[in-house]
Amino acid sequence: MNDGQYLGVVTYGSSSCPTGPLGIEVVGGQEIEIRLGQLFPDRGVCSADMSGHVTVVELPPGITPTKPLVARLGNHEVTIEAVGR
């Protein structure tokens, strides 16, 4: 297991030009902001389908999985429960 040090971020869009996390910034004690964008910006033609894309990211230093975490992704905010130990 990863002991809660990794986070799976799911985005939806074109399967050939997915968006995903480009960076994570700690903005408070147990609060992070995830910057989303095109994972492959050099692709000129994108398929017109809709699919999910999962990107696994490592949590920044100082963030502990033993306390609830607030993650902001653009205009969305998600509270992630603490990992049971």
N, C-alpha and C. Protein backbone atom coordinates (compact mmCIF):
# COMPACT_ATOMS: atom_id res chain seq x y z
N MET A 1 0.83 -1.19 0.00
CA MET A 1 0.00 0.00 0.00
C MET A 1 0.88 1.25 0.00
N ASN A 2 0.27 2.38 -0.33
CA ASN A 2 1.06 3.62 -0.42
C ASN A 2 1.00 4.45 0.85
N ASP A 3 0.35 3.96 1.90
CA ASP A 3 0.24 4.66 3.18
C ASP A 3 -0.36 6.05 3.06
N GLY A 4 -1.16 6.28 2.02
CA GLY A 4 -1.83 7.56 1.87
C GLY A 4 -0.95 8.68 1.36
N GLN A 5 0.21 8.38 0.82
CA GLN A 5 1.12 9.42 0.34
C GLN A 5 0.87 9.77 -1.12
N TYR A 6 -0.03 9.06 -1.79
CA TYR A 6 -0.33 9.31 -3.19
C TYR A 6 -1.82 9.58 -3.34
N LEU A 7 -2.14 10.34 -4.36
CA LEU A 7 -3.52 10.72 -4.62
C LEU A 7 -3.82 10.45 -6.09
N GLY A 8 -4.94 9.81 -6.36
CA GLY A 8 -5.38 9.59 -7.74
C GLY A 8 -6.30 10.73 -8.15
N VAL A 9 -5.96 11.42 -9.24
CA VAL A 9 -6.76 12.53 -9.75
C VAL A 9 -7.42 12.06 -11.04
N VAL A 10 -8.76 12.09 -11.09
CA VAL A 10 -9.51 11.65 -12.26
C VAL A 10 -10.07 12.87 -12.98
N THR A 11 -9.76 12.97 -14.27
CA THR A 11 -10.30 14.04 -15.11
C THR A 11 -11.03 13.40 -16.28
N TYR A 12 -11.91 14.15 -16.94
CA TYR A 12 -12.66 13.64 -18.08
C TYR A 12 -12.48 14.58 -19.26
N GLY A 13 -12.38 13.99 -20.43
CA GLY A 13 -12.24 14.77 -21.65
C GLY A 13 -11.80 13.88 -22.79
N SER A 14 -11.21 14.45 -23.79
CA SER A 14 -10.74 13.71 -24.96
C SER A 14 -9.70 12.67 -24.54
N SER A 15 -9.87 11.43 -25.01
CA SER A 15 -8.92 10.38 -24.62
C SER A 15 -7.55 10.59 -25.24
N SER A 16 -7.46 11.29 -26.36
CA SER A 16 -6.16 11.50 -27.00
C SER A 16 -5.47 12.78 -26.52
N CYS A 17 -6.19 13.66 -25.84
CA CYS A 17 -5.62 14.91 -25.32
C CYS A 17 -6.12 15.14 -23.88
N PRO A 18 -5.75 14.24 -22.96
CA PRO A 18 -6.30 14.35 -21.60
C PRO A 18 -5.74 15.54 -20.82
N THR A 19 -6.57 16.01 -19.90
CA THR A 19 -6.09 16.99 -18.93
C THR A 19 -5.73 16.25 -17.66
N GLY A 20 -4.92 16.87 -16.83
CA GLY A 20 -4.52 16.25 -15.58
C GLY A 20 -3.73 17.23 -14.75
N PRO A 21 -3.23 16.78 -13.61
CA PRO A 21 -2.48 17.66 -12.72
C PRO A 21 -1.12 18.04 -13.30
N LEU A 22 -0.85 19.33 -13.33
CA LEU A 22 0.45 19.85 -13.79
C LEU A 22 1.31 20.29 -12.61
N GLY A 23 0.68 20.52 -11.47
CA GLY A 23 1.42 20.94 -10.29
C GLY A 23 0.53 20.94 -9.07
N ILE A 24 1.15 20.80 -7.90
CA ILE A 24 0.44 20.82 -6.63
C ILE A 24 1.15 21.81 -5.72
N GLU A 25 0.34 22.66 -5.08
CA GLU A 25 0.90 23.65 -4.16
C GLU A 25 0.19 23.54 -2.81
N VAL A 26 0.95 23.56 -1.74
CA VAL A 26 0.37 23.59 -0.39
C VAL A 26 -0.05 25.02 -0.12
N VAL A 27 -1.34 25.22 0.19
CA VAL A 27 -1.85 26.57 0.43
C VAL A 27 -2.31 26.76 1.87
N GLY A 28 -2.18 25.72 2.68
CA GLY A 28 -2.55 25.78 4.09
C GLY A 28 -2.05 24.53 4.78
N GLY A 29 -2.34 24.38 6.06
CA GLY A 29 -1.85 23.24 6.82
C GLY A 29 -2.15 21.90 6.16
N GLN A 30 -3.38 21.62 5.90
CA GLN A 30 -3.80 20.38 5.23
C GLN A 30 -4.64 20.74 4.01
N GLU A 31 -4.18 21.73 3.25
CA GLU A 31 -4.89 22.19 2.06
C GLU A 31 -3.92 22.27 0.89
N ILE A 32 -4.35 21.72 -0.25
CA ILE A 32 -3.54 21.78 -1.46
C ILE A 32 -4.37 22.32 -2.61
N GLU A 33 -3.69 22.90 -3.55
CA GLU A 33 -4.31 23.35 -4.79
C GLU A 33 -3.64 22.59 -5.93
N ILE A 34 -4.45 21.94 -6.74
CA ILE A 34 -3.94 21.16 -7.86
C ILE A 34 -4.22 21.94 -9.14
N ARG A 35 -3.16 22.27 -9.86
CA ARG A 35 -3.28 23.00 -11.12
C ARG A 35 -3.47 21.99 -12.25
N LEU A 36 -4.58 22.11 -12.97
CA LEU A 36 -4.90 21.21 -14.07
C LEU A 36 -4.58 21.84 -15.41
N GLY A 37 -4.25 21.01 -16.39
CA GLY A 37 -3.99 21.48 -17.74
C GLY A 37 -3.80 20.31 -18.68
N GLN A 38 -3.51 20.62 -19.93
CA GLN A 38 -3.30 19.59 -20.95
C GLN A 38 -2.02 18.82 -20.64
N LEU A 39 -2.11 17.49 -20.56
CA LEU A 39 -0.92 16.67 -20.29
C LEU A 39 -0.01 16.57 -21.50
N PHE A 40 -0.57 16.67 -22.70
CA PHE A 40 0.21 16.60 -23.93
C PHE A 40 -0.13 17.80 -24.80
N PRO A 41 0.35 19.00 -24.46
CA PRO A 41 -0.07 20.23 -25.15
C PRO A 41 0.37 20.30 -26.61
N ASP A 42 1.32 19.47 -27.03
CA ASP A 42 1.80 19.53 -28.42
C ASP A 42 0.90 18.78 -29.40
N ARG A 43 -0.07 18.06 -28.92
CA ARG A 43 -0.97 17.33 -29.82
C ARG A 43 -1.92 18.31 -30.47
N GLY A 44 -1.93 18.31 -31.79
CA GLY A 44 -2.75 19.26 -32.53
C GLY A 44 -4.17 18.80 -32.74
N VAL A 45 -4.39 17.51 -32.92
CA VAL A 45 -5.73 16.99 -33.20
C VAL A 45 -6.14 16.09 -32.04
N CYS A 46 -7.32 16.36 -31.50
CA CYS A 46 -7.83 15.57 -30.38
C CYS A 46 -9.11 14.87 -30.79
N SER A 47 -9.28 13.64 -30.30
CA SER A 47 -10.50 12.91 -30.62
C SER A 47 -11.69 13.55 -29.91
N ALA A 48 -12.86 13.40 -30.51
CA ALA A 48 -14.08 14.00 -29.97
C ALA A 48 -14.84 12.98 -29.13
N ASP A 49 -14.13 12.31 -28.25
CA ASP A 49 -14.77 11.36 -27.35
C ASP A 49 -14.63 11.85 -25.92
N MET A 50 -15.28 11.18 -25.02
CA MET A 50 -15.21 11.56 -23.61
C MET A 50 -14.81 10.32 -22.82
N SER A 51 -13.71 10.45 -22.10
CA SER A 51 -13.28 9.32 -21.27
C SER A 51 -12.57 9.85 -20.03
N GLY A 52 -12.43 8.96 -19.05
CA GLY A 52 -11.74 9.31 -17.82
C GLY A 52 -10.25 9.05 -17.95
N HIS A 53 -9.47 9.84 -17.25
CA HIS A 53 -8.02 9.67 -17.24
C HIS A 53 -7.57 9.81 -15.79
N VAL A 54 -6.82 8.82 -15.29
CA VAL A 54 -6.34 8.84 -13.91
C VAL A 54 -4.85 9.16 -13.90
N THR A 55 -4.46 10.13 -13.08
CA THR A 55 -3.06 10.45 -12.86
C THR A 55 -2.79 10.31 -11.37
N VAL A 56 -1.76 9.54 -11.02
CA VAL A 56 -1.39 9.37 -9.62
C VAL A 56 -0.27 10.35 -9.31
N VAL A 57 -0.47 11.14 -8.25
CA VAL A 57 0.52 12.14 -7.85
C VAL A 57 0.93 11.90 -6.40
N GLU A 58 2.17 12.24 -6.09
CA GLU A 58 2.66 12.14 -4.72
C GLU A 58 2.28 13.42 -3.98
N LEU A 59 1.81 13.26 -2.76
CA LEU A 59 1.46 14.43 -1.95
C LEU A 59 2.73 15.18 -1.54
N PRO A 60 2.66 16.51 -1.47
CA PRO A 60 3.83 17.31 -1.09
C PRO A 60 4.28 17.04 0.34
N PRO A 61 5.55 17.32 0.64
CA PRO A 61 6.04 17.20 2.02
C PRO A 61 5.21 18.06 2.96
N GLY A 62 4.99 17.57 4.15
CA GLY A 62 4.22 18.32 5.14
C GLY A 62 2.75 17.94 5.16
N ILE A 63 2.26 17.29 4.13
CA ILE A 63 0.87 16.84 4.09
C ILE A 63 0.84 15.43 4.66
N THR A 64 -0.01 15.21 5.67
CA THR A 64 -0.09 13.90 6.30
C THR A 64 -1.41 13.22 5.95
N PRO A 65 -1.37 11.93 5.69
CA PRO A 65 -2.61 11.21 5.38
C PRO A 65 -3.43 10.89 6.64
N THR A 66 -2.89 11.18 7.83
CA THR A 66 -3.61 10.86 9.07
C THR A 66 -4.60 11.94 9.49
N LYS A 67 -4.68 13.03 8.72
CA LYS A 67 -5.65 14.10 8.96
C LYS A 67 -6.41 14.36 7.67
N PRO A 68 -7.65 14.87 7.76
CA PRO A 68 -8.39 15.19 6.54
C PRO A 68 -7.62 16.20 5.68
N LEU A 69 -7.79 16.08 4.37
CA LEU A 69 -7.10 16.93 3.40
C LEU A 69 -8.12 17.66 2.54
N VAL A 70 -7.94 18.94 2.35
CA VAL A 70 -8.78 19.72 1.44
C VAL A 70 -7.99 19.92 0.15
N ALA A 71 -8.57 19.48 -0.97
CA ALA A 71 -7.93 19.63 -2.28
C ALA A 71 -8.80 20.53 -3.14
N ARG A 72 -8.18 21.55 -3.73
CA ARG A 72 -8.89 22.46 -4.64
C ARG A 72 -8.40 22.22 -6.05
N LEU A 73 -9.35 22.07 -6.96
CA LEU A 73 -9.06 21.87 -8.38
C LEU A 73 -9.90 22.89 -9.14
N GLY A 74 -9.31 24.02 -9.47
CA GLY A 74 -10.08 25.08 -10.12
C GLY A 74 -11.15 25.59 -9.17
N ASN A 75 -12.41 25.54 -9.61
CA ASN A 75 -13.54 26.01 -8.79
C ASN A 75 -14.10 24.93 -7.88
N HIS A 76 -13.51 23.74 -7.90
CA HIS A 76 -14.02 22.62 -7.11
C HIS A 76 -13.15 22.41 -5.87
N GLU A 77 -13.81 22.02 -4.78
CA GLU A 77 -13.11 21.73 -3.53
C GLU A 77 -13.58 20.38 -3.04
N VAL A 78 -12.63 19.52 -2.66
CA VAL A 78 -12.94 18.17 -2.19
C VAL A 78 -12.23 17.96 -0.85
N THR A 79 -12.95 17.42 0.11
CA THR A 79 -12.34 17.05 1.39
C THR A 79 -12.13 15.53 1.37
N ILE A 80 -10.89 15.12 1.60
CA ILE A 80 -10.54 13.71 1.59
C ILE A 80 -10.33 13.27 3.03
N GLU A 81 -11.03 12.23 3.41
CA GLU A 81 -10.97 11.73 4.79
C GLU A 81 -9.57 11.20 5.11
N ALA A 82 -9.24 11.19 6.38
CA ALA A 82 -7.96 10.68 6.85
C ALA A 82 -7.89 9.17 6.64
N VAL A 83 -6.67 8.68 6.46
CA VAL A 83 -6.42 7.25 6.31
C VAL A 83 -6.42 6.64 7.70
N GLY A 84 -7.16 5.56 7.90
CA GLY A 84 -7.17 4.89 9.20
C GLY A 84 -5.87 4.16 9.46
N ARG A 85 -5.36 4.30 10.64
CA ARG A 85 -4.08 3.64 11.00
C ARG A 85 -4.32 2.68 12.12
